Amino acid sequence: YDGMEISLNIKCEGLSMQASLRKLQESTD
């Protein structure tokens, strides 16, 4: 094989979806 795909999943949780997404953005950054 000469090609490779690498995936990384990050999961965040909070009391609201807004809080979860904020943590997700911080972790991604």
PDB file of all heavy atoms in Angstrom:
ATOM      1  N   TYR A   1       0.850  -1.182   0.000  1.00  0.00           N
ATOM      2  CA  TYR A   1       0.000   0.000   0.000  1.00  0.00           C
ATOM      3  C   TYR A   1       0.893   1.242   0.000  1.00  0.00           C
ATOM      4  O   TYR A   1       1.904   1.288   0.702  1.00  0.00           O
ATOM      5  CB  TYR A   1      -0.888   0.024   1.238  1.00  0.00           C
ATOM      6  CG  TYR A   1      -2.080  -0.898   1.169  1.00  0.00           C
ATOM      7  CD1 TYR A   1      -2.077  -2.126   1.814  1.00  0.00           C
ATOM      8  CD2 TYR A   1      -3.210  -0.529   0.450  1.00  0.00           C
ATOM      9  CE1 TYR A   1      -3.184  -2.974   1.754  1.00  0.00           C
ATOM     10  CE2 TYR A   1      -4.318  -1.368   0.384  1.00  0.00           C
ATOM     11  CZ  TYR A   1      -4.302  -2.581   1.036  1.00  0.00           C
ATOM     12  OH  TYR A   1      -5.384  -3.417   0.966  1.00  0.00           O
ATOM     13  N   ASP A   2       0.506   2.247  -0.781  1.00  0.00           N
ATOM     14  CA  ASP A   2       1.316   3.469  -0.838  1.00  0.00           C
ATOM     15  C   ASP A   2       0.593   4.681  -0.267  1.00  0.00           C
ATOM     16  O   ASP A   2       1.132   5.783  -0.253  1.00  0.00           O
ATOM     17  CB  ASP A   2       1.754   3.758  -2.283  1.00  0.00           C
ATOM     18  CG  ASP A   2       0.570   3.902  -3.226  1.00  0.00           C
ATOM     19  OD1 ASP A   2      -0.592   3.854  -2.760  1.00  0.00           O
ATOM     20  OD2 ASP A   2       0.804   4.053  -4.441  1.00  0.00           O
ATOM     21  N   GLY A   3      -0.635   4.489   0.222  1.00  0.00           N
ATOM     22  CA  GLY A   3      -1.385   5.590   0.811  1.00  0.00           C
ATOM     23  C   GLY A   3      -1.877   5.236   2.202  1.00  0.00           C
ATOM     24  O   GLY A   3      -2.071   4.062   2.538  1.00  0.00           O
ATOM     25  N   MET A   4      -2.065   6.255   3.034  1.00  0.00           N
ATOM     26  CA  MET A   4      -2.484   6.035   4.419  1.00  0.00           C
ATOM     27  C   MET A   4      -3.447   7.145   4.843  1.00  0.00           C
ATOM     28  O   MET A   4      -3.242   8.309   4.509  1.00  0.00           O
ATOM     29  CB  MET A   4      -1.248   6.041   5.328  1.00  0.00           C
ATOM     30  CG  MET A   4      -1.533   5.966   6.825  1.00  0.00           C
ATOM     31  SD  MET A   4      -0.012   6.233   7.805  1.00  0.00           S
ATOM     32  CE  MET A   4       0.920   4.760   7.397  1.00  0.00           C
ATOM     33  N   GLU A   5      -4.497   6.748   5.543  1.00  0.00           N
ATOM     34  CA  GLU A   5      -5.388   7.733   6.171  1.00  0.00           C
ATOM     35  C   GLU A   5      -5.328   7.540   7.677  1.00  0.00           C
ATOM     36  O   GLU A   5      -5.454   6.415   8.176  1.00  0.00           O
ATOM     37  CB  GLU A   5      -6.830   7.595   5.695  1.00  0.00           C
ATOM     38  CG  GLU A   5      -7.747   8.610   6.383  1.00  0.00           C
ATOM     39  CD  GLU A   5      -9.196   8.535   5.960  1.00  0.00           C
ATOM     40  OE1 GLU A   5      -9.951   7.762   6.581  1.00  0.00           O
ATOM     41  OE2 GLU A   5      -9.563   9.236   5.007  1.00  0.00           O
ATOM     42  N   ILE A   6      -5.117   8.617   8.386  1.00  0.00           N
ATOM     43  CA  ILE A   6      -5.064   8.602   9.848  1.00  0.00           C
ATOM     44  C   ILE A   6      -6.201   9.473  10.368  1.00  0.00           C
ATOM     45  O   ILE A   6      -6.367  10.610   9.917  1.00  0.00           O
ATOM     46  CB  ILE A   6      -3.715   9.140  10.369  1.00  0.00           C
ATOM     47  CG1 ILE A   6      -2.565   8.323   9.785  1.00  0.00           C
ATOM     48  CG2 ILE A   6      -3.675   9.097  11.901  1.00  0.00           C
ATOM     49  CD1 ILE A   6      -1.201   8.935  10.037  1.00  0.00           C
ATOM     50  N   SER A   7      -6.987   8.932  11.279  1.00  0.00           N
ATOM     51  CA  SER A   7      -8.101   9.686  11.846  1.00  0.00           C
ATOM     52  C   SER A   7      -7.946   9.797  13.356  1.00  0.00           C
ATOM     53  O   SER A   7      -7.399   8.902  14.007  1.00  0.00           O
ATOM     54  CB  SER A   7      -9.442   9.021  11.507  1.00  0.00           C
ATOM     55  OG  SER A   7      -9.510   7.732  12.088  1.00  0.00           O
ATOM     56  N   LEU A   8      -8.426  10.912  13.885  1.00  0.00           N
ATOM     57  CA  LEU A   8      -8.375  11.153  15.324  1.00  0.00           C
ATOM     58  C   LEU A   8      -9.720  11.726  15.755  1.00  0.00           C
ATOM     59  O   LEU A   8     -10.177  12.741  15.213  1.00  0.00           O
ATOM     60  CB  LEU A   8      -7.250  12.129  15.691  1.00  0.00           C
ATOM     61  CG  LEU A   8      -5.844  11.721  15.228  1.00  0.00           C
ATOM     62  CD1 LEU A   8      -5.438  12.539  14.016  1.00  0.00           C
ATOM     63  CD2 LEU A   8      -4.832  11.893  16.354  1.00  0.00           C
ATOM     64  N   ASN A   9     -10.342  11.066  16.718  1.00  0.00           N
ATOM     65  CA  ASN A   9     -11.628  11.527  17.240  1.00  0.00           C
ATOM     66  C   ASN A   9     -11.445  12.094  18.642  1.00  0.00           C
ATOM     67  O   ASN A   9     -10.804  11.478  19.502  1.00  0.00           O
ATOM     68  CB  ASN A   9     -12.636  10.383  17.296  1.00  0.00           C
ATOM     69  CG  ASN A   9     -13.112   9.964  15.921  1.00  0.00           C
ATOM     70  OD1 ASN A   9     -12.814  10.619  14.926  1.00  0.00           O
ATOM     71  ND2 ASN A   9     -13.851   8.874  15.850  1.00  0.00           N
ATOM     72  N   ILE A  10     -12.020  13.273  18.863  1.00  0.00           N
ATOM     73  CA  ILE A  10     -12.016  13.902  20.186  1.00  0.00           C
ATOM     74  C   ILE A  10     -13.464  14.032  20.635  1.00  0.00           C
ATOM     75  O   ILE A  10     -14.316  14.499  19.875  1.00  0.00           O
ATOM     76  CB  ILE A  10     -11.368  15.299  20.156  1.00  0.00           C
ATOM     77  CG1 ILE A  10      -9.961  15.233  19.566  1.00  0.00           C
ATOM     78  CG2 ILE A  10     -11.334  15.905  21.558  1.00  0.00           C
ATOM     79  CD1 ILE A  10      -9.342  16.601  19.339  1.00  0.00           C
ATOM     80  N   LYS A  11     -13.735  13.610  21.862  1.00  0.00           N
ATOM     81  CA  LYS A  11     -15.083  13.701  22.409  1.00  0.00           C
ATOM     82  C   LYS A  11     -15.078  14.625  23.622  1.00  0.00           C
ATOM     83  O   LYS A  11     -14.236  14.488  24.519  1.00  0.00           O
ATOM     84  CB  LYS A  11     -15.585  12.315  22.818  1.00  0.00           C
ATOM     85  CG  LYS A  11     -17.012  12.290  23.346  1.00  0.00           C
ATOM     86  CD  LYS A  11     -17.383  10.896  23.845  1.00  0.00           C
ATOM     87  CE  LYS A  11     -17.354   9.876  22.734  1.00  0.00           C
ATOM     88  NZ  LYS A  11     -17.777   8.525  23.215  1.00  0.00           N
ATOM     89  N   CYS A  12     -15.991  15.569  23.642  1.00  0.00           N
ATOM     90  CA  CYS A  12     -16.124  16.477  24.779  1.00  0.00           C
ATOM     91  C   CYS A  12     -17.565  16.472  25.263  1.00  0.00           C
ATOM     92  O   CYS A  12     -18.494  16.243  24.481  1.00  0.00           O
ATOM     93  CB  CYS A  12     -15.710  17.902  24.395  1.00  0.00           C
ATOM     94  SG  CYS A  12     -13.947  18.098  24.066  1.00  0.00           S
ATOM     95  N   GLU A  13     -17.746  16.730  26.541  1.00  0.00           N
ATOM     96  CA  GLU A  13     -19.090  16.768  27.098  1.00  0.00           C
ATOM     97  C   GLU A  13     -19.236  17.939  28.050  1.00  0.00           C
ATOM     98  O   GLU A  13     -18.266  18.401  28.657  1.00  0.00           O
ATOM     99  CB  GLU A  13     -19.417  15.461  27.820  1.00  0.00           C
ATOM    100  CG  GLU A  13     -18.462  15.115  28.948  1.00  0.00           C
ATOM    101  CD  GLU A  13     -18.790  13.781  29.595  1.00  0.00           C
ATOM    102  OE1 GLU A  13     -19.385  12.920  28.932  1.00  0.00           O
ATOM    103  OE2 GLU A  13     -18.455  13.617  30.777  1.00  0.00           O
ATOM    104  N   GLY A  14     -20.450  18.444  28.139  1.00  0.00           N
ATOM    105  CA  GLY A  14     -20.738  19.571  29.019  1.00  0.00           C
ATOM    106  C   GLY A  14     -22.214  19.580  29.383  1.00  0.00           C
ATOM    107  O   GLY A  14     -23.001  18.760  28.896  1.00  0.00           O
ATOM    108  N   LEU A  15     -22.589  20.529  30.219  1.00  0.00           N
ATOM    109  CA  LEU A  15     -23.978  20.608  30.644  1.00  0.00           C
ATOM    110  C   LEU A  15     -24.882  21.133  29.545  1.00  0.00           C
ATOM    111  O   LEU A  15     -26.102  21.010  29.618  1.00  0.00           O
ATOM    112  CB  LEU A  15     -24.087  21.501  31.887  1.00  0.00           C
ATOM    113  CG  LEU A  15     -23.373  20.965  33.137  1.00  0.00           C
ATOM    114  CD1 LEU A  15     -23.495  21.957  34.284  1.00  0.00           C
ATOM    115  CD2 LEU A  15     -23.951  19.614  33.545  1.00  0.00           C
ATOM    116  N   SER A  16     -24.281  21.713  28.510  1.00  0.00           N
ATOM    117  CA  SER A  16     -25.043  22.182  27.363  1.00  0.00           C
ATOM    118  C   SER A  16     -24.246  21.870  26.105  1.00  0.00           C
ATOM    119  O   SER A  16     -23.039  21.646  26.164  1.00  0.00           O
ATOM    120  CB  SER A  16     -25.318  23.687  27.453  1.00  0.00           C
ATOM    121  OG  SER A  16     -24.107  24.418  27.329  1.00  0.00           O
ATOM    122  N   MET A  17     -24.917  21.872  24.966  1.00  0.00           N
ATOM    123  CA  MET A  17     -24.204  21.629  23.716  1.00  0.00           C
ATOM    124  C   MET A  17     -23.209  22.740  23.450  1.00  0.00           C
ATOM    125  O   MET A  17     -22.120  22.507  22.923  1.00  0.00           O
ATOM    126  CB  MET A  17     -25.202  21.501  22.565  1.00  0.00           C
ATOM    127  CG  MET A  17     -24.548  21.201  21.230  1.00  0.00           C
ATOM    128  SD  MET A  17     -23.462  19.730  21.264  1.00  0.00           S
ATOM    129  CE  MET A  17     -24.650  18.436  21.622  1.00  0.00           C
ATOM    130  N   GLN A  18     -23.572  23.950  23.824  1.00  0.00           N
ATOM    131  CA  GLN A  18     -22.657  25.074  23.629  1.00  0.00           C
ATOM    132  C   GLN A  18     -21.361  24.866  24.414  1.00  0.00           C
ATOM    133  O   GLN A  18     -20.259  25.123  23.911  1.00  0.00           O
ATOM    134  CB  GLN A  18     -23.325  26.384  24.052  1.00  0.00           C
ATOM    135  CG  GLN A  18     -22.472  27.623  23.811  1.00  0.00           C
ATOM    136  CD  GLN A  18     -23.187  28.909  24.189  1.00  0.00           C
ATOM    137  OE1 GLN A  18     -24.300  28.879  24.718  1.00  0.00           O
ATOM    138  NE2 GLN A  18     -22.550  30.038  23.932  1.00  0.00           N
ATOM    139  N   ALA A  19     -21.489  24.371  25.641  1.00  0.00           N
ATOM    140  CA  ALA A  19     -20.304  24.116  26.462  1.00  0.00           C
ATOM    141  C   ALA A  19     -19.472  22.988  25.869  1.00  0.00           C
ATOM    142  O   ALA A  19     -18.235  23.045  25.849  1.00  0.00           O
ATOM    143  CB  ALA A  19     -20.730  23.772  27.888  1.00  0.00           C
ATOM    144  N   SER A  20     -20.140  21.962  25.359  1.00  0.00           N
ATOM    145  CA  SER A  20     -19.418  20.841  24.749  1.00  0.00           C
ATOM    146  C   SER A  20     -18.645  21.297  23.525  1.00  0.00           C
ATOM    147  O   SER A  20     -17.486  20.932  23.327  1.00  0.00           O
ATOM    148  CB  SER A  20     -20.409  19.732  24.363  1.00  0.00           C
ATOM    149  OG  SER A  20     -21.038  19.202  25.502  1.00  0.00           O
ATOM    150  N   LEU A  21     -19.284  22.103  22.685  1.00  0.00           N
ATOM    151  CA  LEU A  21     -18.632  22.578  21.470  1.00  0.00           C
ATOM    152  C   LEU A  21     -17.466  23.512  21.786  1.00  0.00           C
ATOM    153  O   LEU A  21     -16.463  23.535  21.076  1.00  0.00           O
ATOM    154  CB  LEU A  21     -19.650  23.282  20.566  1.00  0.00           C
ATOM    155  CG  LEU A  21     -20.714  22.368  19.952  1.00  0.00           C
ATOM    156  CD1 LEU A  21     -21.748  23.189  19.203  1.00  0.00           C
ATOM    157  CD2 LEU A  21     -20.081  21.340  19.029  1.00  0.00           C
ATOM    158  N   ARG A  22     -17.605  24.281  22.860  1.00  0.00           N
ATOM    159  CA  ARG A  22     -16.504  25.181  23.249  1.00  0.00           C
ATOM    160  C   ARG A  22     -15.284  24.358  23.678  1.00  0.00           C
ATOM    161  O   ARG A  22     -14.149  24.652  23.287  1.00  0.00           O
ATOM    162  CB  ARG A  22     -16.954  26.112  24.380  1.00  0.00           C
ATOM    163  CG  ARG A  22     -15.893  27.149  24.768  1.00  0.00           C
ATOM    164  CD  ARG A  22     -16.438  28.201  25.716  1.00  0.00           C
ATOM    165  NE  ARG A  22     -16.950  27.616  26.959  1.00  0.00           N
ATOM    166  CZ  ARG A  22     -18.231  27.539  27.265  1.00  0.00           C
ATOM    167  NH1 ARG A  22     -19.151  28.001  26.419  1.00  0.00           N
ATOM    168  NH2 ARG A  22     -18.623  27.008  28.409  1.00  0.00           N
ATOM    169  N   LYS A  23     -15.525  23.310  24.479  1.00  0.00           N
ATOM    170  CA  LYS A  23     -14.423  22.430  24.878  1.00  0.00           C
ATOM    171  C   LYS A  23     -13.817  21.743  23.655  1.00  0.00           C
ATOM    172  O   LYS A  23     -12.601  21.573  23.554  1.00  0.00           O
ATOM    173  CB  LYS A  23     -14.925  21.364  25.858  1.00  0.00           C
ATOM    174  CG  LYS A  23     -15.264  21.870  27.246  1.00  0.00           C
ATOM    175  CD  LYS A  23     -15.694  20.707  28.131  1.00  0.00           C
ATOM    176  CE  LYS A  23     -16.048  21.155  29.530  1.00  0.00           C
ATOM    177  NZ  LYS A  23     -16.480  20.013  30.379  1.00  0.00           N
ATOM    178  N   LEU A  24     -14.679  21.371  22.729  1.00  0.00           N
ATOM    179  CA  LEU A  24     -14.227  20.697  21.521  1.00  0.00           C
ATOM    180  C   LEU A  24     -13.315  21.602  20.706  1.00  0.00           C
ATOM    181  O   LEU A  24     -12.273  21.170  20.207  1.00  0.00           O
ATOM    182  CB  LEU A  24     -15.442  20.279  20.688  1.00  0.00           C
ATOM    183  CG  LEU A  24     -15.269  19.099  19.735  1.00  0.00           C
ATOM    184  CD1 LEU A  24     -14.957  17.823  20.509  1.00  0.00           C
ATOM    185  CD2 LEU A  24     -16.539  18.900  18.910  1.00  0.00           C
ATOM    186  N   GLN A  25     -13.685  22.858  20.585  1.00  0.00           N
ATOM    187  CA  GLN A  25     -12.871  23.813  19.834  1.00  0.00           C
ATOM    188  C   GLN A  25     -11.525  24.028  20.506  1.00  0.00           C
ATOM    189  O   GLN A  25     -10.478  24.066  19.846  1.00  0.00           O
ATOM    190  CB  GLN A  25     -13.614  25.147  19.704  1.00  0.00           C
ATOM    191  CG  GLN A  25     -12.893  26.176  18.844  1.00  0.00           C
ATOM    192  CD  GLN A  25     -12.763  25.718  17.403  1.00  0.00           C
ATOM    193  OE1 GLN A  25     -13.760  25.436  16.753  1.00  0.00           O
ATOM    194  NE2 GLN A  25     -11.540  25.625  16.901  1.00  0.00           N
ATOM    195  N   GLU A  26     -11.533  24.138  21.834  1.00  0.00           N
ATOM    196  CA  GLU A  26     -10.283  24.338  22.572  1.00  0.00           C
ATOM    197  C   GLU A  26      -9.357  23.131  22.410  1.00  0.00           C
ATOM    198  O   GLU A  26      -8.147  23.282  22.195  1.00  0.00           O
ATOM    199  CB  GLU A  26     -10.587  24.572  24.056  1.00  0.00           C
ATOM    200  CG  GLU A  26     -11.309  25.886  24.336  1.00  0.00           C
ATOM    201  CD  GLU A  26     -11.765  25.999  25.785  1.00  0.00           C
ATOM    202  OE1 GLU A  26     -11.622  24.993  26.532  1.00  0.00           O
ATOM    203  OE2 GLU A  26     -12.261  27.074  26.170  1.00  0.00           O
ATOM    204  N   SER A  27      -9.925  21.935  22.485  1.00  0.00           N
ATOM    205  CA  SER A  27      -9.120  20.719  22.341  1.00  0.00           C
ATOM    206  C   SER A  27      -8.570  20.594  20.924  1.00  0.00           C
ATOM    207  O   SER A  27      -7.408  20.227  20.723  1.00  0.00           O
ATOM    208  CB  SER A  27      -9.959  19.486  22.688  1.00  0.00           C
ATOM    209  OG  SER A  27     -10.410  19.537  24.030  1.00  0.00           O
ATOM    210  N   THR A  28      -9.411  20.904  19.938  1.00  0.00           N
ATOM    211  CA  THR A  28      -8.974  20.834  18.541  1.00  0.00           C
ATOM    212  C   THR A  28      -7.844  21.813  18.281  1.00  0.00           C
ATOM    213  O   THR A  28      -6.838  21.478  17.645  1.00  0.00           O
ATOM    214  CB  THR A  28     -10.155  21.121  17.592  1.00  0.00           C
ATOM    215  OG1 THR A  28     -11.200  20.171  17.832  1.00  0.00           O
ATOM    216  CG2 THR A  28      -9.713  21.033  16.137  1.00  0.00           C
ATOM    217  N   ASP A  29      -7.986  23.032  18.776  1.00  0.00           N
ATOM    218  CA  ASP A  29      -6.939  24.048  18.600  1.00  0.00           C
ATOM    219  C   ASP A  29      -5.627  23.600  19.247  1.00  0.00           C
ATOM    220  O   ASP A  29      -4.543  23.795  18.681  1.00  0.00           O
ATOM    221  CB  ASP A  29      -7.381  25.388  19.200  1.00  0.00           C
ATOM    222  CG  ASP A  29      -8.513  26.041  18.407  1.00  0.00           C
ATOM    223  OD1 ASP A  29      -8.742  25.619  17.259  1.00  0.00           O
ATOM    224  OD2 ASP A  29      -9.151  26.961  18.944  1.00  0.00           O
TER     225      ASP A  29
END
